[in-house]
Amino acid sequence: MDTSGLKYPKGLPGIISRRVKAVEQERLLAAAYAAVNLRDQNRCAVTGVPLSPYAMQEKSRREHHHLVGRRIKPEWRTDPRRIILVSAYVHKLITANALITDQCDAIEPIIWRWNDKIVKTGEEPFRLNESET
């Protein structure tokens, strides 16, 4: 039913307006990821290892990590300052809280440390990037 001739047209149906909003968020996130890829030069922010989006090995496959959870700070979801590049391997360690940081700005140097409740001293799976520790 065409409601455009009514004094107060109904506007877009909810399902369409939600989809329009989702498409816009996807576009903003893709733009943020592209900016992060350029800024970090396809290198892991934790290890410094070169990354590729299609690598088979977890240690060299590129992933994007939000320094603050996307649900915790949804307004930061598409902010490149809040996103870093890491390998899939490192991303699993961060998600498991084995590797932690208190920082949330990717423009500043990020200091990482091992969570000693999960990773015992001397049992670290790799050395952290010296420039980041």
N, C-alpha and C. Protein backbone atom coordinates (compact mmCIF):
# COMPACT_ATOMS: atom_id res chain seq x y z
N MET A 1 0.84 -1.18 0.00
CA MET A 1 0.00 0.00 0.00
C MET A 1 0.88 1.24 0.00
N ASP A 2 0.66 2.13 -0.92
CA ASP A 2 1.42 3.36 -1.02
C ASP A 2 0.85 4.38 -0.04
N THR A 3 1.69 4.80 0.93
CA THR A 3 1.24 5.76 1.95
C THR A 3 1.83 7.14 1.73
N SER A 4 2.50 7.36 0.58
CA SER A 4 3.16 8.64 0.35
C SER A 4 2.18 9.80 0.24
N GLY A 5 0.95 9.55 -0.12
CA GLY A 5 -0.04 10.62 -0.25
C GLY A 5 -0.71 10.97 1.06
N LEU A 6 -0.49 10.21 2.10
CA LEU A 6 -1.10 10.49 3.40
C LEU A 6 -0.41 11.68 4.08
N LYS A 7 -1.16 12.31 5.01
CA LYS A 7 -0.60 13.45 5.73
C LYS A 7 0.64 13.05 6.53
N TYR A 8 0.62 11.85 7.15
CA TYR A 8 1.75 11.32 7.92
C TYR A 8 2.14 9.96 7.36
N PRO A 9 2.99 9.93 6.32
CA PRO A 9 3.35 8.64 5.74
C PRO A 9 4.08 7.78 6.76
N LYS A 10 3.93 6.49 6.61
CA LYS A 10 4.49 5.55 7.57
C LYS A 10 6.01 5.45 7.53
N GLY A 11 6.64 5.76 6.43
CA GLY A 11 8.09 5.62 6.34
C GLY A 11 8.46 4.20 5.95
N LEU A 12 9.74 3.89 6.05
CA LEU A 12 10.23 2.57 5.66
C LEU A 12 9.79 1.50 6.67
N PRO A 13 9.47 0.32 6.18
CA PRO A 13 9.20 -0.77 7.12
C PRO A 13 10.45 -1.06 7.95
N GLY A 14 10.25 -1.51 9.17
CA GLY A 14 11.35 -1.77 10.10
C GLY A 14 12.42 -2.70 9.54
N ILE A 15 12.01 -3.73 8.84
CA ILE A 15 12.98 -4.69 8.32
C ILE A 15 13.92 -4.03 7.31
N ILE A 16 13.40 -3.09 6.53
CA ILE A 16 14.24 -2.40 5.54
C ILE A 16 15.14 -1.38 6.23
N SER A 17 14.62 -0.63 7.17
CA SER A 17 15.45 0.38 7.84
C SER A 17 16.57 -0.28 8.65
N ARG A 18 16.29 -1.44 9.24
CA ARG A 18 17.34 -2.17 9.97
C ARG A 18 18.41 -2.67 9.01
N ARG A 19 18.01 -3.12 7.84
CA ARG A 19 18.98 -3.60 6.85
C ARG A 19 19.83 -2.45 6.32
N VAL A 20 19.22 -1.30 6.09
CA VAL A 20 19.96 -0.12 5.63
C VAL A 20 21.02 0.25 6.67
N LYS A 21 20.64 0.23 7.94
CA LYS A 21 21.58 0.54 9.03
C LYS A 21 22.71 -0.49 9.08
N ALA A 22 22.39 -1.77 8.92
CA ALA A 22 23.40 -2.83 8.95
C ALA A 22 24.38 -2.69 7.79
N VAL A 23 23.88 -2.37 6.61
CA VAL A 23 24.75 -2.19 5.44
C VAL A 23 25.71 -1.02 5.67
N GLU A 24 25.22 0.05 6.25
CA GLU A 24 26.06 1.20 6.54
C GLU A 24 27.14 0.84 7.56
N GLN A 25 26.79 0.08 8.59
CA GLN A 25 27.77 -0.36 9.58
C GLN A 25 28.83 -1.25 8.95
N GLU A 26 28.42 -2.15 8.05
CA GLU A 26 29.37 -3.02 7.34
C GLU A 26 30.33 -2.19 6.49
N ARG A 27 29.82 -1.14 5.85
CA ARG A 27 30.65 -0.26 5.03
C ARG A 27 31.67 0.48 5.89
N LEU A 28 31.22 1.00 7.03
CA LEU A 28 32.11 1.72 7.94
C LEU A 28 33.18 0.80 8.51
N LEU A 29 32.80 -0.44 8.85
CA LEU A 29 33.76 -1.40 9.39
C LEU A 29 34.79 -1.78 8.33
N ALA A 30 34.36 -2.00 7.10
CA ALA A 30 35.29 -2.33 6.01
C ALA A 30 36.27 -1.18 5.79
N ALA A 31 35.80 0.06 5.87
CA ALA A 31 36.68 1.22 5.71
C ALA A 31 37.68 1.30 6.88
N ALA A 32 37.22 1.01 8.08
CA ALA A 32 38.11 1.02 9.25
C ALA A 32 39.17 -0.07 9.11
N TYR A 33 38.76 -1.27 8.69
CA TYR A 33 39.72 -2.37 8.50
C TYR A 33 40.75 -2.02 7.44
N ALA A 34 40.32 -1.37 6.36
CA ALA A 34 41.26 -0.96 5.30
C ALA A 34 42.28 0.05 5.85
N ALA A 35 41.83 0.98 6.67
CA ALA A 35 42.72 1.96 7.27
C ALA A 35 43.72 1.29 8.21
N VAL A 36 43.27 0.31 8.98
CA VAL A 36 44.13 -0.42 9.90
C VAL A 36 45.17 -1.23 9.12
N ASN A 37 44.75 -1.89 8.05
CA ASN A 37 45.68 -2.66 7.22
C ASN A 37 46.81 -1.76 6.71
N LEU A 38 46.45 -0.58 6.27
CA LEU A 38 47.44 0.38 5.76
C LEU A 38 48.35 0.86 6.88
N ARG A 39 47.76 1.24 8.00
CA ARG A 39 48.53 1.77 9.13
C ARG A 39 49.51 0.73 9.67
N ASP A 40 49.04 -0.49 9.88
CA ASP A 40 49.87 -1.55 10.48
C ASP A 40 50.71 -2.28 9.44
N GLN A 41 50.57 -1.94 8.17
CA GLN A 41 51.36 -2.50 7.07
C GLN A 41 51.34 -4.04 7.06
N ASN A 42 50.18 -4.61 7.35
CA ASN A 42 50.00 -6.07 7.35
C ASN A 42 51.02 -6.79 8.22
N ARG A 43 51.30 -6.23 9.40
CA ARG A 43 52.19 -6.86 10.38
C ARG A 43 51.44 -6.99 11.70
N CYS A 44 51.71 -8.08 12.38
CA CYS A 44 51.08 -8.33 13.69
C CYS A 44 51.56 -7.28 14.69
N ALA A 45 50.64 -6.66 15.38
CA ALA A 45 50.97 -5.62 16.36
C ALA A 45 51.65 -6.19 17.59
N VAL A 46 51.56 -7.49 17.81
CA VAL A 46 52.16 -8.12 18.99
C VAL A 46 53.52 -8.73 18.66
N THR A 47 53.62 -9.46 17.56
CA THR A 47 54.85 -10.18 17.23
C THR A 47 55.68 -9.51 16.14
N GLY A 48 55.07 -8.66 15.33
CA GLY A 48 55.77 -8.02 14.22
C GLY A 48 55.86 -8.90 12.98
N VAL A 49 55.24 -10.07 13.00
CA VAL A 49 55.28 -11.01 11.88
C VAL A 49 54.44 -10.49 10.71
N PRO A 50 54.93 -10.62 9.46
CA PRO A 50 54.11 -10.25 8.30
C PRO A 50 52.86 -11.12 8.22
N LEU A 51 51.73 -10.52 7.84
CA LEU A 51 50.46 -11.23 7.81
C LEU A 51 49.84 -11.20 6.42
N SER A 52 49.00 -12.21 6.16
CA SER A 52 48.26 -12.29 4.92
C SER A 52 46.83 -12.72 5.25
N PRO A 53 45.82 -12.13 4.61
CA PRO A 53 44.44 -12.48 4.95
C PRO A 53 44.06 -13.92 4.58
N TYR A 54 44.79 -14.53 3.67
CA TYR A 54 44.41 -15.86 3.19
C TYR A 54 45.41 -16.95 3.58
N ALA A 55 46.33 -16.65 4.48
CA ALA A 55 47.34 -17.64 4.87
C ALA A 55 46.69 -18.84 5.55
N MET A 56 47.22 -20.01 5.26
CA MET A 56 46.71 -21.24 5.89
C MET A 56 47.19 -21.37 7.33
N GLN A 57 48.40 -20.92 7.59
CA GLN A 57 48.99 -21.01 8.93
C GLN A 57 48.39 -19.95 9.85
N GLU A 58 47.97 -20.35 11.06
CA GLU A 58 47.41 -19.39 12.02
C GLU A 58 48.40 -18.29 12.38
N LYS A 59 49.67 -18.61 12.40
CA LYS A 59 50.68 -17.64 12.83
C LYS A 59 50.93 -16.54 11.80
N SER A 60 50.42 -16.71 10.59
CA SER A 60 50.60 -15.66 9.60
C SER A 60 49.29 -15.20 8.95
N ARG A 61 48.14 -15.72 9.42
CA ARG A 61 46.84 -15.29 8.88
C ARG A 61 46.39 -14.02 9.60
N ARG A 62 46.06 -13.00 8.83
CA ARG A 62 45.68 -11.69 9.35
C ARG A 62 44.26 -11.69 9.91
N GLU A 63 44.13 -11.11 11.11
CA GLU A 63 42.82 -10.87 11.72
C GLU A 63 42.84 -9.49 12.35
N HIS A 64 41.67 -8.94 12.52
CA HIS A 64 41.52 -7.63 13.15
C HIS A 64 41.04 -7.84 14.58
N HIS A 65 41.70 -7.16 15.52
CA HIS A 65 41.31 -7.27 16.92
C HIS A 65 40.89 -5.90 17.43
N HIS A 66 39.71 -5.85 18.05
CA HIS A 66 39.23 -4.62 18.68
C HIS A 66 39.80 -4.57 20.09
N LEU A 67 40.52 -3.51 20.42
CA LEU A 67 41.17 -3.41 21.72
C LEU A 67 40.16 -3.37 22.86
N VAL A 68 38.98 -2.87 22.59
CA VAL A 68 37.88 -2.90 23.56
C VAL A 68 36.74 -3.62 22.85
N GLY A 69 36.11 -4.56 23.53
CA GLY A 69 35.05 -5.36 22.92
C GLY A 69 34.01 -4.54 22.18
N ARG A 70 33.57 -5.06 21.04
CA ARG A 70 32.60 -4.33 20.21
C ARG A 70 31.27 -4.16 20.93
N ARG A 71 30.95 -5.05 21.84
CA ARG A 71 29.70 -4.90 22.61
C ARG A 71 29.87 -3.99 23.82
N ILE A 72 31.11 -3.89 24.30
CA ILE A 72 31.37 -3.03 25.46
C ILE A 72 31.33 -1.56 25.05
N LYS A 73 31.96 -1.24 23.93
CA LYS A 73 31.99 0.13 23.42
C LYS A 73 31.54 0.11 21.95
N PRO A 74 30.24 -0.06 21.68
CA PRO A 74 29.79 -0.13 20.29
C PRO A 74 30.13 1.10 19.46
N GLU A 75 30.25 2.25 20.10
CA GLU A 75 30.57 3.47 19.36
C GLU A 75 32.00 3.45 18.83
N TRP A 76 32.86 2.57 19.35
CA TRP A 76 34.24 2.44 18.88
C TRP A 76 34.38 1.34 17.82
N ARG A 77 33.32 0.67 17.49
CA ARG A 77 33.38 -0.50 16.60
C ARG A 77 34.04 -0.20 15.26
N THR A 78 33.83 0.96 14.71
CA THR A 78 34.37 1.30 13.40
C THR A 78 35.47 2.36 13.48
N ASP A 79 36.06 2.52 14.65
CA ASP A 79 37.13 3.50 14.85
C ASP A 79 38.49 2.80 14.68
N PRO A 80 39.25 3.13 13.63
CA PRO A 80 40.54 2.47 13.40
C PRO A 80 41.52 2.62 14.56
N ARG A 81 41.35 3.65 15.38
CA ARG A 81 42.24 3.82 16.55
C ARG A 81 42.04 2.72 17.58
N ARG A 82 40.93 2.02 17.50
CA ARG A 82 40.60 0.98 18.49
C ARG A 82 40.78 -0.44 17.94
N ILE A 83 41.39 -0.56 16.74
CA ILE A 83 41.54 -1.84 16.07
C ILE A 83 43.01 -2.05 15.71
N ILE A 84 43.51 -3.27 15.88
CA ILE A 84 44.88 -3.60 15.49
C ILE A 84 44.88 -4.87 14.65
N LEU A 85 45.99 -5.10 13.96
CA LEU A 85 46.17 -6.35 13.22
C LEU A 85 46.94 -7.33 14.10
N VAL A 86 46.48 -8.57 14.11
CA VAL A 86 47.18 -9.65 14.80
C VAL A 86 47.03 -10.92 13.97
N SER A 87 47.87 -11.89 14.25
CA SER A 87 47.72 -13.18 13.59
C SER A 87 46.56 -13.92 14.26
N ALA A 88 46.02 -14.91 13.58
CA ALA A 88 44.93 -15.71 14.14
C ALA A 88 45.39 -16.39 15.43
N TYR A 89 46.65 -16.80 15.46
CA TYR A 89 47.24 -17.45 16.63
C TYR A 89 47.25 -16.50 17.83
N VAL A 90 47.74 -15.29 17.61
CA VAL A 90 47.78 -14.28 18.68
C VAL A 90 46.37 -13.89 19.09
N HIS A 91 45.46 -13.81 18.12
CA HIS A 91 44.08 -13.44 18.42
C HIS A 91 43.44 -14.43 19.39
N LYS A 92 43.71 -15.71 19.19
CA LYS A 92 43.20 -16.73 20.12
C LYS A 92 43.76 -16.52 21.53
N LEU A 93 45.04 -16.18 21.63
CA LEU A 93 45.65 -15.94 22.94
C LEU A 93 45.04 -14.72 23.62
N ILE A 94 44.79 -13.66 22.85
CA ILE A 94 44.18 -12.46 23.41
C ILE A 94 42.76 -12.76 23.87
N THR A 95 41.99 -13.46 23.03
CA THR A 95 40.60 -13.80 23.36
C THR A 95 40.52 -14.69 24.60
N ALA A 96 41.53 -15.54 24.79
CA ALA A 96 41.57 -16.43 25.96
C ALA A 96 42.14 -15.74 27.20
N ASN A 97 42.46 -14.45 27.09
CA ASN A 97 43.05 -13.65 28.17
C ASN A 97 44.43 -14.14 28.59
N ALA A 98 45.13 -14.87 27.72
CA ALA A 98 46.49 -15.28 28.02
C ALA A 98 47.45 -14.13 27.75
N LEU A 99 47.08 -13.26 26.84
CA LEU A 99 47.89 -12.10 26.46
C LEU A 99 47.01 -10.87 26.70
N ILE A 100 47.51 -9.92 27.50
CA ILE A 100 46.66 -8.80 27.90
C ILE A 100 47.37 -7.45 27.75
N THR A 101 46.56 -6.42 27.61
CA THR A 101 47.01 -5.04 27.61
C THR A 101 45.92 -4.20 28.26
N ASP A 102 46.32 -3.07 28.80
CA ASP A 102 45.36 -2.15 29.40
C ASP A 102 45.05 -0.99 28.47
N GLN A 103 45.70 -0.95 27.32
CA GLN A 103 45.57 0.17 26.42
C GLN A 103 44.45 -0.04 25.41
N CYS A 104 43.90 1.07 24.95
CA CYS A 104 42.78 0.96 24.00
C CYS A 104 42.94 1.93 22.83
N ASP A 105 44.14 2.46 22.63
CA ASP A 105 44.39 3.38 21.51
C ASP A 105 45.55 2.84 20.68
N ALA A 106 45.26 2.43 19.46
CA ALA A 106 46.27 1.81 18.60
C ALA A 106 47.29 2.81 18.06
N ILE A 107 47.04 4.09 18.21
CA ILE A 107 47.99 5.09 17.75
C ILE A 107 49.19 5.16 18.71
N GLU A 108 48.94 4.93 19.98
CA GLU A 108 49.99 4.90 20.99
C GLU A 108 50.66 3.54 21.00
N PRO A 109 51.93 3.44 21.44
CA PRO A 109 52.57 2.12 21.57
C PRO A 109 51.78 1.26 22.57
N ILE A 110 51.54 0.03 22.19
CA ILE A 110 50.75 -0.87 23.04
C ILE A 110 51.69 -1.82 23.76
N ILE A 111 51.57 -1.89 25.06
CA ILE A 111 52.41 -2.77 25.87
C ILE A 111 51.59 -4.02 26.21
N TRP A 112 52.11 -5.18 25.79
CA TRP A 112 51.46 -6.46 26.03
C TRP A 112 52.20 -7.19 27.14
N ARG A 113 51.48 -8.02 27.86
CA ARG A 113 52.10 -8.86 28.88
C ARG A 113 51.35 -10.18 28.96
N TRP A 114 52.05 -11.19 29.41
CA TRP A 114 51.43 -12.50 29.57
C TRP A 114 50.65 -12.51 30.88
N ASN A 115 49.49 -13.12 30.87
CA ASN A 115 48.69 -13.30 32.08
C ASN A 115 49.31 -14.47 32.84
N ASP A 116 49.98 -14.16 33.95
CA ASP A 116 50.71 -15.21 34.68
C ASP A 116 49.81 -16.25 35.35
N LYS A 117 48.51 -16.01 35.35
CA LYS A 117 47.57 -17.02 35.86
C LYS A 117 47.30 -18.09 34.81
N ILE A 118 47.59 -17.76 33.55
CA ILE A 118 47.35 -18.69 32.44
C ILE A 118 48.66 -19.20 31.85
N VAL A 119 49.61 -18.29 31.65
CA VAL A 119 50.89 -18.63 31.04
C VAL A 119 51.99 -18.46 32.09
N LYS A 120 52.60 -19.55 32.50
CA LYS A 120 53.64 -19.52 33.53
C LYS A 120 54.93 -18.95 32.95
N THR A 121 55.71 -18.28 33.80
CA THR A 121 57.00 -17.73 33.38
C THR A 121 57.88 -18.85 32.87
N GLY A 122 58.48 -18.62 31.71
CA GLY A 122 59.32 -19.63 31.07
C GLY A 122 58.57 -20.53 30.12
N GLU A 123 57.22 -20.45 30.12
CA GLU A 123 56.40 -21.29 29.25
C GLU A 123 55.68 -20.46 28.18
N GLU A 124 56.10 -19.23 27.97
CA GLU A 124 55.49 -18.37 26.98
C GLU A 124 55.66 -18.98 25.59
N PRO A 125 54.61 -18.99 24.76
CA PRO A 125 54.73 -19.59 23.43
C PRO A 125 55.63 -18.82 22.47
N PHE A 126 55.88 -17.54 22.74
CA PHE A 126 56.79 -16.73 21.92
C PHE A 126 57.18 -15.50 22.72
N ARG A 127 58.25 -14.86 22.26
CA ARG A 127 58.68 -13.60 22.88
C ARG A 127 57.86 -12.47 22.30
N LEU A 128 57.47 -11.56 23.14
CA LEU A 128 56.72 -10.40 22.68
C LEU A 128 57.64 -9.47 21.90
N ASN A 129 57.08 -8.75 20.96
CA ASN A 129 57.83 -7.81 20.14
C ASN A 129 58.53 -6.82 21.06
N GLU A 130 59.85 -6.75 20.99
CA GLU A 130 60.64 -5.93 21.92
C GLU A 130 60.22 -4.47 21.94
N SER A 131 59.85 -3.94 20.79
CA SER A 131 59.47 -2.52 20.74
C SER A 131 58.13 -2.28 21.42
N GLU A 132 57.38 -3.34 21.66
CA GLU A 132 56.06 -3.19 22.27
C GLU A 132 56.06 -3.52 23.75
N THR A 133 57.17 -4.01 24.31
CA THR A 133 57.19 -4.39 25.73
C THR A 133 57.99 -3.43 26.56
